[in-house]
Amino acid sequence: MADRKETRGASRVPLRKKDKKVEAKVESVPEEDKGQEKEKAAEQPVQAEGEKPEENGVAPEGAAASGENGEFKVEPMELPPFEIIEGERINPFFFKFQFKNVEYSSGRNKTFLCFLVDSQARNGEVKRGYLEDEHAGTHAEEAFFQQVLPEYDSALRYTVTWYVSSSPCPACAAKLVEILQARKTLRLTIFSARLFMWEEPEGQVGLKALAAAGCKLRMMKPTDFSYTWDTFVDNEDQKFVPWEDCKENYEYYQEKLADILQ
């Protein structure tokens, strides 16, 4: 199996500017004052190299200003909250990277969720599209019921099918269980490219709870990747070519999922 280093969360660390060094002007000091300066220096706390100076015992919050010592402090950058992206077609590069069914998801900090919704309404329309998130805010699974299917009519039967880059995390699994218990006429099937936290007890508990709530859990096999490519990817009429070990990795995950759900 490829890519064995796992990254479970998304984080962005803003670059910090190095402190601006200013050469102090050397001035001659009379001999009688040197002793006094040494005594004053001994009373001052020693500052470690690279350590921020403190004011009144509390480190400043990084206001961008030049102090008397000529040092430049940079105010920490505040990143905007991550947003859920909704669309109809995925970039083919993103699909091939995010849906690749490697054993561990190194560098793959997003969840891509492709959906089909058949509510058996009179117009017979089937909703389709995809959601994209980053593991730092609302996840795609929860966002689906906020943005795509916020309303529920108990008189209708809903058939919802997801093709996701990785299976739901334990927190999302718990929320999905609540939704399925509240929406009795909704049937959810989840095809996952990879299993998320399948080695952890909480991850296994979440998958078992989903299955017990009536959710059908499946791993994506090569034909499912091909279907998703044709249906949800801006492929410019290019045929899907499975990556190396695609079938072998599917069989690996399928065995793990069967062991968890037995």
C-alpha atoms as a PDB file:
ATOM      1  CA  MET A   1       0.000   0.000   0.000  1.00  0.00           C
ATOM      2  CA  ALA A   2       1.191   3.508  -0.706  1.00  0.00           C
ATOM      3  CA  ASP A   3       1.386   6.627   1.388  1.00  0.00           C
ATOM      4  CA  ARG A   4       1.566   5.378   4.950  1.00  0.00           C
ATOM      5  CA  LYS A   5       1.785   8.663   6.850  1.00  0.00           C
ATOM      6  CA  GLU A   6      -1.598   9.867   8.089  1.00  0.00           C
ATOM      7  CA  THR A   7      -2.751  13.467   8.485  1.00  0.00           C
ATOM      8  CA  ARG A   8      -6.038  13.704  10.353  1.00  0.00           C
ATOM      9  CA  GLY A   9      -6.702  17.401  10.540  1.00  0.00           C
ATOM     10  CA  ALA A  10      -6.263  20.514   8.533  1.00  0.00           C
ATOM     11  CA  SER A  11      -4.178  23.301   9.912  1.00  0.00           C
ATOM     12  CA  ARG A  12      -2.621  26.343   8.416  1.00  0.00           C
ATOM     13  CA  VAL A  13       0.194  28.016  10.250  1.00  0.00           C
ATOM     14  CA  PRO A  14       0.775  31.590   9.101  1.00  0.00           C
ATOM     15  CA  LEU A  15       4.336  32.530   8.430  1.00  0.00           C
ATOM     16  CA  ARG A  16       5.809  34.887  10.951  1.00  0.00           C
ATOM     17  CA  LYS A  17       8.237  37.603   9.926  1.00  0.00           C
ATOM     18  CA  LYS A  18      11.576  37.479  11.636  1.00  0.00           C
ATOM     19  CA  ASP A  19      12.296  40.287  14.058  1.00  0.00           C
ATOM     20  CA  LYS A  20      13.959  43.143  12.321  1.00  0.00           C
ATOM     21  CA  LYS A  21      17.467  43.600  13.631  1.00  0.00           C
ATOM     22  CA  VAL A  22      18.622  47.151  14.076  1.00  0.00           C
ATOM     23  CA  GLU A  23      22.215  47.898  14.777  1.00  0.00           C
ATOM     24  CA  ALA A  24      22.497  50.060  17.858  1.00  0.00           C
ATOM     25  CA  LYS A  25      24.818  53.030  17.653  1.00  0.00           C
ATOM     26  CA  VAL A  26      27.865  52.523  19.861  1.00  0.00           C
ATOM     27  CA  GLU A  27      28.522  55.436  22.150  1.00  0.00           C
ATOM     28  CA  SER A  28      31.432  55.958  24.482  1.00  0.00           C
ATOM     29  CA  VAL A  29      30.596  55.675  28.184  1.00  0.00           C
ATOM     30  CA  PRO A  30      32.578  57.440  30.883  1.00  0.00           C
ATOM     31  CA  GLU A  31      34.477  55.107  33.209  1.00  0.00           C
ATOM     32  CA  GLU A  32      32.572  56.232  36.299  1.00  0.00           C
ATOM     33  CA  ASP A  33      29.242  55.352  34.672  1.00  0.00           C
ATOM     34  CA  LYS A  34      30.278  51.889  33.552  1.00  0.00           C
ATOM     35  CA  GLY A  35      29.937  50.442  37.017  1.00  0.00           C
ATOM     36  CA  GLN A  36      26.419  51.862  37.384  1.00  0.00           C
ATOM     37  CA  GLU A  37      25.367  50.434  34.020  1.00  0.00           C
ATOM     38  CA  LYS A  38      26.639  46.989  34.976  1.00  0.00           C
ATOM     39  CA  GLU A  39      24.564  47.087  38.152  1.00  0.00           C
ATOM     40  CA  LYS A  40      21.461  48.101  36.178  1.00  0.00           C
ATOM     41  CA  ALA A  41      22.053  45.350  33.612  1.00  0.00           C
ATOM     42  CA  ALA A  42      22.320  42.772  36.380  1.00  0.00           C
ATOM     43  CA  GLU A  43      18.856  43.776  37.626  1.00  0.00           C
ATOM     44  CA  GLN A  44      17.259  43.267  34.203  1.00  0.00           C
ATOM     45  CA  PRO A  45      15.835  39.767  33.380  1.00  0.00           C
ATOM     46  CA  VAL A  46      17.865  37.819  30.876  1.00  0.00           C
ATOM     47  CA  GLN A  47      16.022  37.346  27.578  1.00  0.00           C
ATOM     48  CA  ALA A  48      16.643  34.110  25.723  1.00  0.00           C
ATOM     49  CA  GLU A  49      17.569  34.285  22.080  1.00  0.00           C
ATOM     50  CA  GLY A  50      14.479  34.550  19.875  1.00  0.00           C
ATOM     51  CA  GLU A  51      12.215  35.199  22.881  1.00  0.00           C
ATOM     52  CA  LYS A  52       9.625  37.968  22.703  1.00  0.00           C
ATOM     53  CA  PRO A  53      10.176  40.894  25.031  1.00  0.00           C
ATOM     54  CA  GLU A  54       7.564  41.314  27.734  1.00  0.00           C
ATOM     55  CA  GLU A  55       5.795  44.322  29.065  1.00  0.00           C
ATOM     56  CA  ASN A  56       4.726  44.337  32.730  1.00  0.00           C
ATOM     57  CA  GLY A  57       5.344  40.589  32.825  1.00  0.00           C
ATOM     58  CA  VAL A  58       2.864  39.911  29.986  1.00  0.00           C
ATOM     59  CA  ALA A  59       3.917  39.271  26.412  1.00  0.00           C
ATOM     60  CA  PRO A  60       2.345  41.829  24.040  1.00  0.00           C
ATOM     61  CA  GLU A  61      -0.328  40.598  21.665  1.00  0.00           C
ATOM     62  CA  GLY A  62       1.733  41.533  18.662  1.00  0.00           C
ATOM     63  CA  ALA A  63       0.802  45.075  17.769  1.00  0.00           C
ATOM     64  CA  ALA A  64       2.678  46.161  14.678  1.00  0.00           C
ATOM     65  CA  ALA A  65       4.801  48.997  15.989  1.00  0.00           C
ATOM     66  CA  SER A  66       8.425  50.000  16.424  1.00  0.00           C
ATOM     67  CA  GLY A  67       9.544  50.219  20.039  1.00  0.00           C
ATOM     68  CA  GLU A  68      12.302  52.307  21.546  1.00  0.00           C
ATOM     69  CA  ASN A  69      14.748  49.480  20.977  1.00  0.00           C
ATOM     70  CA  GLY A  70      14.017  49.529  17.259  1.00  0.00           C
ATOM     71  CA  GLU A  71      12.502  46.010  17.197  1.00  0.00           C
ATOM     72  CA  PHE A  72       9.582  45.363  14.875  1.00  0.00           C
ATOM     73  CA  LYS A  73       6.704  43.217  16.141  1.00  0.00           C
ATOM     74  CA  VAL A  74       4.342  41.518  13.685  1.00  0.00           C
ATOM     75  CA  GLU A  75       0.700  41.137  14.557  1.00  0.00           C
ATOM     76  CA  PRO A  76      -0.436  37.482  14.156  1.00  0.00           C
ATOM     77  CA  MET A  77      -2.386  36.842  10.984  1.00  0.00           C
ATOM     78  CA  GLU A  78      -6.037  35.880  11.474  1.00  0.00           C
ATOM     79  CA  LEU A  79      -7.171  33.424   8.812  1.00  0.00           C
ATOM     80  CA  PRO A  80     -10.779  33.515   7.621  1.00  0.00           C
ATOM     81  CA  PRO A  81     -12.992  30.543   8.548  1.00  0.00           C
ATOM     82  CA  PHE A  82     -12.964  27.656   6.115  1.00  0.00           C
ATOM     83  CA  GLU A  83     -16.040  27.526   3.925  1.00  0.00           C
ATOM     84  CA  ILE A  84     -18.009  24.714   2.399  1.00  0.00           C
ATOM     85  CA  ILE A  85     -17.721  24.718  -1.391  1.00  0.00           C
ATOM     86  CA  GLU A  86     -20.684  23.450  -3.395  1.00  0.00           C
ATOM     87  CA  GLY A  87     -20.641  22.748  -7.119  1.00  0.00           C
ATOM     88  CA  GLU A  88     -21.623  20.416  -9.926  1.00  0.00           C
ATOM     89  CA  ARG A  89     -18.278  19.190 -11.287  1.00  0.00           C
ATOM     90  CA  ILE A  90     -14.989  18.487  -9.533  1.00  0.00           C
ATOM     91  CA  ASN A  91     -11.623  19.422 -10.958  1.00  0.00           C
ATOM     92  CA  PRO A  92     -10.132  16.156 -12.327  1.00  0.00           C
ATOM     93  CA  PHE A  93      -6.803  16.752 -10.555  1.00  0.00           C
ATOM     94  CA  PHE A  94      -8.562  17.128  -7.195  1.00  0.00           C
ATOM     95  CA  PHE A  95     -10.610  14.001  -7.826  1.00  0.00           C
ATOM     96  CA  LYS A  96      -7.593  11.850  -8.638  1.00  0.00           C
ATOM     97  CA  PHE A  97      -5.762  13.075  -5.543  1.00  0.00           C
ATOM     98  CA  GLN A  98      -8.571  13.277  -2.970  1.00  0.00           C
ATOM     99  CA  PHE A  99     -10.347  10.037  -3.972  1.00  0.00           C
ATOM    100  CA  LYS A 100      -7.209   7.937  -4.312  1.00  0.00           C
ATOM    101  CA  ASN A 101      -7.810   4.948  -2.055  1.00  0.00           C
ATOM    102  CA  VAL A 102      -4.405   4.800  -0.408  1.00  0.00           C
ATOM    103  CA  GLU A 103      -4.164   3.177   3.006  1.00  0.00           C
ATOM    104  CA  TYR A 104      -3.595   6.432   4.881  1.00  0.00           C
ATOM    105  CA  SER A 105      -4.647   9.906   3.809  1.00  0.00           C
ATOM    106  CA  SER A 106      -1.386  11.841   4.026  1.00  0.00           C
ATOM    107  CA  GLY A 107      -1.947  15.392   2.776  1.00  0.00           C
ATOM    108  CA  ARG A 108      -5.623  14.774   2.088  1.00  0.00           C
ATOM    109  CA  ASN A 109      -7.195  17.117   4.614  1.00  0.00           C
ATOM    110  CA  LYS A 110     -10.479  17.678   2.817  1.00  0.00           C
ATOM    111  CA  THR A 111     -13.624  15.640   2.370  1.00  0.00           C
ATOM    112  CA  PHE A 112     -15.221  15.575  -1.068  1.00  0.00           C
ATOM    113  CA  LEU A 113     -18.838  14.417  -1.026  1.00  0.00           C
ATOM    114  CA  CYS A 114     -20.638  13.702  -4.303  1.00  0.00           C
ATOM    115  CA  PHE A 115     -24.385  13.282  -3.878  1.00  0.00           C
ATOM    116  CA  LEU A 116     -27.506  12.051  -5.620  1.00  0.00           C
ATOM    117  CA  VAL A 117     -30.901  12.808  -4.061  1.00  0.00           C
ATOM    118  CA  ASP A 118     -34.128  11.252  -5.304  1.00  0.00           C
ATOM    119  CA  SER A 119     -37.052  12.497  -3.223  1.00  0.00           C
ATOM    120  CA  GLN A 120     -39.705  10.898  -5.485  1.00  0.00           C
ATOM    121  CA  ALA A 121     -41.312  14.294  -5.813  1.00  0.00           C
ATOM    122  CA  ARG A 122     -43.814  15.018  -8.538  1.00  0.00           C
ATOM    123  CA  ASN A 123     -41.293  16.702 -10.786  1.00  0.00           C
ATOM    124  CA  GLY A 124     -39.086  13.588 -10.673  1.00  0.00           C
ATOM    125  CA  GLU A 125     -35.964  15.724 -10.391  1.00  0.00           C
ATOM    126  CA  VAL A 126     -32.831  14.116  -8.993  1.00  0.00           C
ATOM    127  CA  LYS A 127     -30.434  16.511  -7.261  1.00  0.00           C
ATOM    128  CA  ARG A 128     -26.769  15.976  -7.918  1.00  0.00           C
ATOM    129  CA  GLY A 129     -23.541  17.802  -7.157  1.00  0.00           C
ATOM    130  CA  TYR A 130     -20.695  17.812  -4.688  1.00  0.00           C
ATOM    131  CA  LEU A 131     -19.548  19.454  -1.462  1.00  0.00           C
ATOM    132  CA  GLU A 132     -15.984  20.139  -0.410  1.00  0.00           C
ATOM    133  CA  ASP A 133     -14.783  20.940   3.084  1.00  0.00           C
ATOM    134  CA  GLU A 134     -11.678  21.256   5.208  1.00  0.00           C
ATOM    135  CA  HIS A 135     -11.428  19.504   8.566  1.00  0.00           C
ATOM    136  CA  ALA A 136     -11.489  22.758  10.516  1.00  0.00           C
ATOM    137  CA  GLY A 137     -15.155  23.713  10.555  1.00  0.00           C
ATOM    138  CA  THR A 138     -18.421  22.150   9.471  1.00  0.00           C
ATOM    139  CA  HIS A 139     -17.783  18.870   7.694  1.00  0.00           C
ATOM    140  CA  ALA A 140     -19.331  18.022   4.353  1.00  0.00           C
ATOM    141  CA  GLU A 141     -21.643  15.376   5.844  1.00  0.00           C
ATOM    142  CA  GLU A 142     -23.307  17.866   8.171  1.00  0.00           C
ATOM    143  CA  ALA A 143     -23.236  20.634   5.560  1.00  0.00           C
ATOM    144  CA  PHE A 144     -25.215  18.399   3.176  1.00  0.00           C
ATOM    145  CA  PHE A 145     -28.238  18.526   5.469  1.00  0.00           C
ATOM    146  CA  GLN A 146     -27.799  22.270   5.967  1.00  0.00           C
ATOM    147  CA  GLN A 147     -27.343  23.316   2.364  1.00  0.00           C
ATOM    148  CA  VAL A 148     -28.598  20.558   0.048  1.00  0.00           C
ATOM    149  CA  LEU A 149     -31.408  18.890   1.982  1.00  0.00           C
ATOM    150  CA  PRO A 150     -32.353  21.228   4.856  1.00  0.00           C
ATOM    151  CA  GLU A 151     -36.080  20.437   4.660  1.00  0.00           C
ATOM    152  CA  TYR A 152     -37.761  17.106   5.157  1.00  0.00           C
ATOM    153  CA  ASP A 153     -41.272  16.012   4.172  1.00  0.00           C
ATOM    154  CA  SER A 154     -42.332  12.820   5.937  1.00  0.00           C
ATOM    155  CA  ALA A 155     -44.832  12.143   3.136  1.00  0.00           C
ATOM    156  CA  LEU A 156     -41.950  11.601   0.692  1.00  0.00           C
ATOM    157  CA  ARG A 157     -39.386   8.848   0.462  1.00  0.00           C
ATOM    158  CA  TYR A 158     -35.810  10.045   0.058  1.00  0.00           C
ATOM    159  CA  THR A 159     -33.076   7.957  -1.529  1.00  0.00           C
ATOM    160  CA  VAL A 160     -29.715   9.602  -0.911  1.00  0.00           C
ATOM    161  CA  THR A 161     -26.451   8.254  -2.296  1.00  0.00           C
ATOM    162  CA  TRP A 162     -23.031   9.630  -1.398  1.00  0.00           C
ATOM    163  CA  TYR A 163     -19.634   8.987  -2.956  1.00  0.00           C
ATOM    164  CA  VAL A 164     -17.112  10.355  -0.456  1.00  0.00           C
ATOM    165  CA  SER A 165     -13.330  10.557  -0.390  1.00  0.00           C
ATOM    166  CA  SER A 166     -13.300   9.107   3.138  1.00  0.00           C
ATOM    167  CA  SER A 167     -15.870   7.654   5.506  1.00  0.00           C
ATOM    168  CA  PRO A 168     -17.473   9.923   8.156  1.00  0.00           C
ATOM    169  CA  CYS A 169     -15.486  10.797  11.267  1.00  0.00           C
ATOM    170  CA  PRO A 170     -16.927   9.677  14.638  1.00  0.00           C
ATOM    171  CA  ALA A 171     -18.596  13.067  15.292  1.00  0.00           C
ATOM    172  CA  CYS A 172     -20.238  13.125  11.849  1.00  0.00           C
ATOM    173  CA  ALA A 173     -21.317   9.505  12.220  1.00  0.00           C
ATOM    174  CA  ALA A 174     -23.118  10.379  15.470  1.00  0.00           C
ATOM    175  CA  LYS A 175     -24.912  13.307  13.816  1.00  0.00           C
ATOM    176  CA  LEU A 176     -25.924  11.178  10.844  1.00  0.00           C
ATOM    177  CA  VAL A 177     -27.388   8.581  13.201  1.00  0.00           C
ATOM    178  CA  GLU A 178     -29.549  11.306  14.791  1.00  0.00           C
ATOM    179  CA  ILE A 179     -30.727  12.490  11.377  1.00  0.00           C
ATOM    180  CA  LEU A 180     -31.596   8.989  10.181  1.00  0.00           C
ATOM    181  CA  GLN A 181     -33.522   8.321  13.380  1.00  0.00           C
ATOM    182  CA  ALA A 182     -35.487  11.560  12.926  1.00  0.00           C
ATOM    183  CA  ARG A 183     -36.118  11.146   9.199  1.00  0.00           C
ATOM    184  CA  LYS A 184     -37.697   7.733   8.997  1.00  0.00           C
ATOM    185  CA  THR A 185     -38.342   7.785   5.236  1.00  0.00           C
ATOM    186  CA  LEU A 186     -34.779   8.724   4.286  1.00  0.00           C
ATOM    187  CA  ARG A 187     -32.461   6.000   3.044  1.00  0.00           C
ATOM    188  CA  LEU A 188     -28.747   6.778   2.926  1.00  0.00           C
ATOM    189  CA  THR A 189     -26.036   4.810   1.120  1.00  0.00           C
ATOM    190  CA  ILE A 190     -22.406   5.869   1.505  1.00  0.00           C
ATOM    191  CA  PHE A 191     -19.692   4.712  -0.896  1.00  0.00           C
ATOM    192  CA  SER A 192     -16.278   5.590   0.577  1.00  0.00           C
ATOM    193  CA  ALA A 193     -12.914   5.656  -1.179  1.00  0.00           C
ATOM    194  CA  ARG A 194     -11.091   5.257   2.140  1.00  0.00           C
ATOM    195  CA  LEU A 195     -11.938   4.459   5.759  1.00  0.00           C
ATOM    196  CA  PHE A 196     -11.245   7.258   8.234  1.00  0.00           C
ATOM    197  CA  MET A 197      -9.830   6.285  11.655  1.00  0.00           C
ATOM    198  CA  TRP A 198     -10.752   2.660  11.045  1.00  0.00           C
ATOM    199  CA  GLU A 199      -8.027   1.490  13.451  1.00  0.00           C
ATOM    200  CA  GLU A 200      -9.354   3.620  16.311  1.00  0.00           C
ATOM    201  CA  PRO A 201     -12.140   2.291  18.591  1.00  0.00           C
ATOM    202  CA  GLU A 202     -14.206   5.484  18.226  1.00  0.00           C
ATOM    203  CA  GLY A 203     -14.006   5.237  14.445  1.00  0.00           C
ATOM    204  CA  GLN A 204     -15.252   1.652  14.507  1.00  0.00           C
ATOM    205  CA  VAL A 205     -18.058   2.552  16.928  1.00  0.00           C
ATOM    206  CA  GLY A 206     -19.215   5.310  14.583  1.00  0.00           C
ATOM    207  CA  LEU A 207     -19.369   3.002  11.566  1.00  0.00           C
ATOM    208  CA  LYS A 208     -21.246   0.339  13.523  1.00  0.00           C
ATOM    209  CA  ALA A 209     -23.761   2.918  14.752  1.00  0.00           C
ATOM    210  CA  LEU A 210     -24.354   4.131  11.197  1.00  0.00           C
ATOM    211  CA  ALA A 211     -25.000   0.603   9.972  1.00  0.00           C
ATOM    212  CA  ALA A 212     -27.347  -0.068  12.909  1.00  0.00           C
ATOM    213  CA  ALA A 213     -29.291   3.101  12.011  1.00  0.00           C
ATOM    214  CA  GLY A 214     -29.961   1.744   8.520  1.00  0.00           C
ATOM    215  CA  CYS A 215     -27.156   3.418   6.581  1.00  0.00           C
ATOM    216  CA  LYS A 216     -25.635   1.201   3.896  1.00  0.00           C
ATOM    217  CA  LEU A 217     -21.850   1.419   3.976  1.00  0.00           C
ATOM    218  CA  ARG A 218     -19.867   0.395   0.920  1.00  0.00           C
ATOM    219  CA  MET A 219     -16.293   0.804  -0.290  1.00  0.00           C
ATOM    220  CA  MET A 220     -15.740   2.255  -3.758  1.00  0.00           C
ATOM    221  CA  LYS A 221     -14.570  -0.335  -6.244  1.00  0.00           C
ATOM    222  CA  PRO A 222     -13.026   0.546  -9.641  1.00  0.00           C
ATOM    223  CA  THR A 223     -16.422   0.722 -11.364  1.00  0.00           C
ATOM    224  CA  ASP A 224     -17.640   3.174  -8.685  1.00  0.00           C
ATOM    225  CA  PHE A 225     -14.632   5.419  -9.289  1.00  0.00           C
ATOM    226  CA  SER A 226     -15.395   5.295 -13.003  1.00  0.00           C
ATOM    227  CA  TYR A 227     -19.065   6.198 -12.401  1.00  0.00           C
ATOM    228  CA  THR A 228     -18.108   9.093 -10.122  1.00  0.00           C
ATOM    229  CA  TRP A 229     -15.605  10.324 -12.710  1.00  0.00           C
ATOM    230  CA  ASP A 230     -18.266  10.316 -15.438  1.00  0.00           C
ATOM    231  CA  THR A 231     -21.013  11.844 -13.266  1.00  0.00           C
ATOM    232  CA  PHE A 232     -19.310  14.406 -11.013  1.00  0.00           C
ATOM    233  CA  VAL A 233     -15.953  15.313 -12.586  1.00  0.00           C
ATOM    234  CA  ASP A 234     -15.194  17.931 -15.223  1.00  0.00           C
ATOM    235  CA  ASN A 235     -13.367  15.273 -17.220  1.00  0.00           C
ATOM    236  CA  GLU A 236     -13.609  16.871 -20.705  1.00  0.00           C
ATOM    237  CA  ASP A 237     -14.730  13.516 -22.123  1.00  0.00           C
ATOM    238  CA  GLN A 238     -11.578  11.793 -20.901  1.00  0.00           C
ATOM    239  CA  LYS A 239     -12.008   8.178 -19.829  1.00  0.00           C
ATOM    240  CA  PHE A 240     -11.171   7.293 -16.228  1.00  0.00           C
ATOM    241  CA  VAL A 241      -7.938   5.341 -15.901  1.00  0.00           C
ATOM    242  CA  PRO A 242      -7.620   3.558 -12.520  1.00  0.00           C
ATOM    243  CA  TRP A 243      -4.395   4.211 -10.656  1.00  0.00           C
ATOM    244  CA  GLU A 244      -2.042   1.444  -9.698  1.00  0.00           C
ATOM    245  CA  ASP A 245      -3.360  -0.789  -6.896  1.00  0.00           C
ATOM    246  CA  CYS A 246      -6.880   0.689  -7.149  1.00  0.00           C
ATOM    247  CA  LYS A 247      -8.537  -2.739  -7.102  1.00  0.00           C
ATOM    248  CA  GLU A 248      -6.118  -4.149  -4.517  1.00  0.00           C
ATOM    249  CA  ASN A 249      -6.701  -1.208  -2.194  1.00  0.00           C
ATOM    250  CA  TYR A 250     -10.477  -1.557  -2.573  1.00  0.00           C
ATOM    251  CA  GLU A 251     -10.251  -5.215  -1.532  1.00  0.00           C
ATOM    252  CA  TYR A 252      -8.083  -4.236   1.434  1.00  0.00           C
ATOM    253  CA  TYR A 253     -10.610  -1.656   2.678  1.00  0.00           C
ATOM    254  CA  GLN A 254     -13.546  -3.930   1.933  1.00  0.00           C
ATOM    255  CA  GLU A 255     -12.043  -6.582   4.200  1.00  0.00           C
ATOM    256  CA  LYS A 256     -11.471  -4.027   6.982  1.00  0.00           C
ATOM    257  CA  LEU A 257     -15.034  -2.717   6.736  1.00  0.00           C
ATOM    258  CA  ALA A 258     -16.475  -6.253   6.827  1.00  0.00           C
ATOM    259  CA  ASP A 259     -14.449  -7.012   9.961  1.00  0.00           C
ATOM    260  CA  ILE A 260     -15.743  -3.866  11.664  1.00  0.00           C
ATOM    261  CA  LEU A 261     -19.399  -4.475  10.801  1.00  0.00           C
ATOM    262  CA  GLN A 262     -19.518  -8.205  11.543  1.00  0.00           C
END
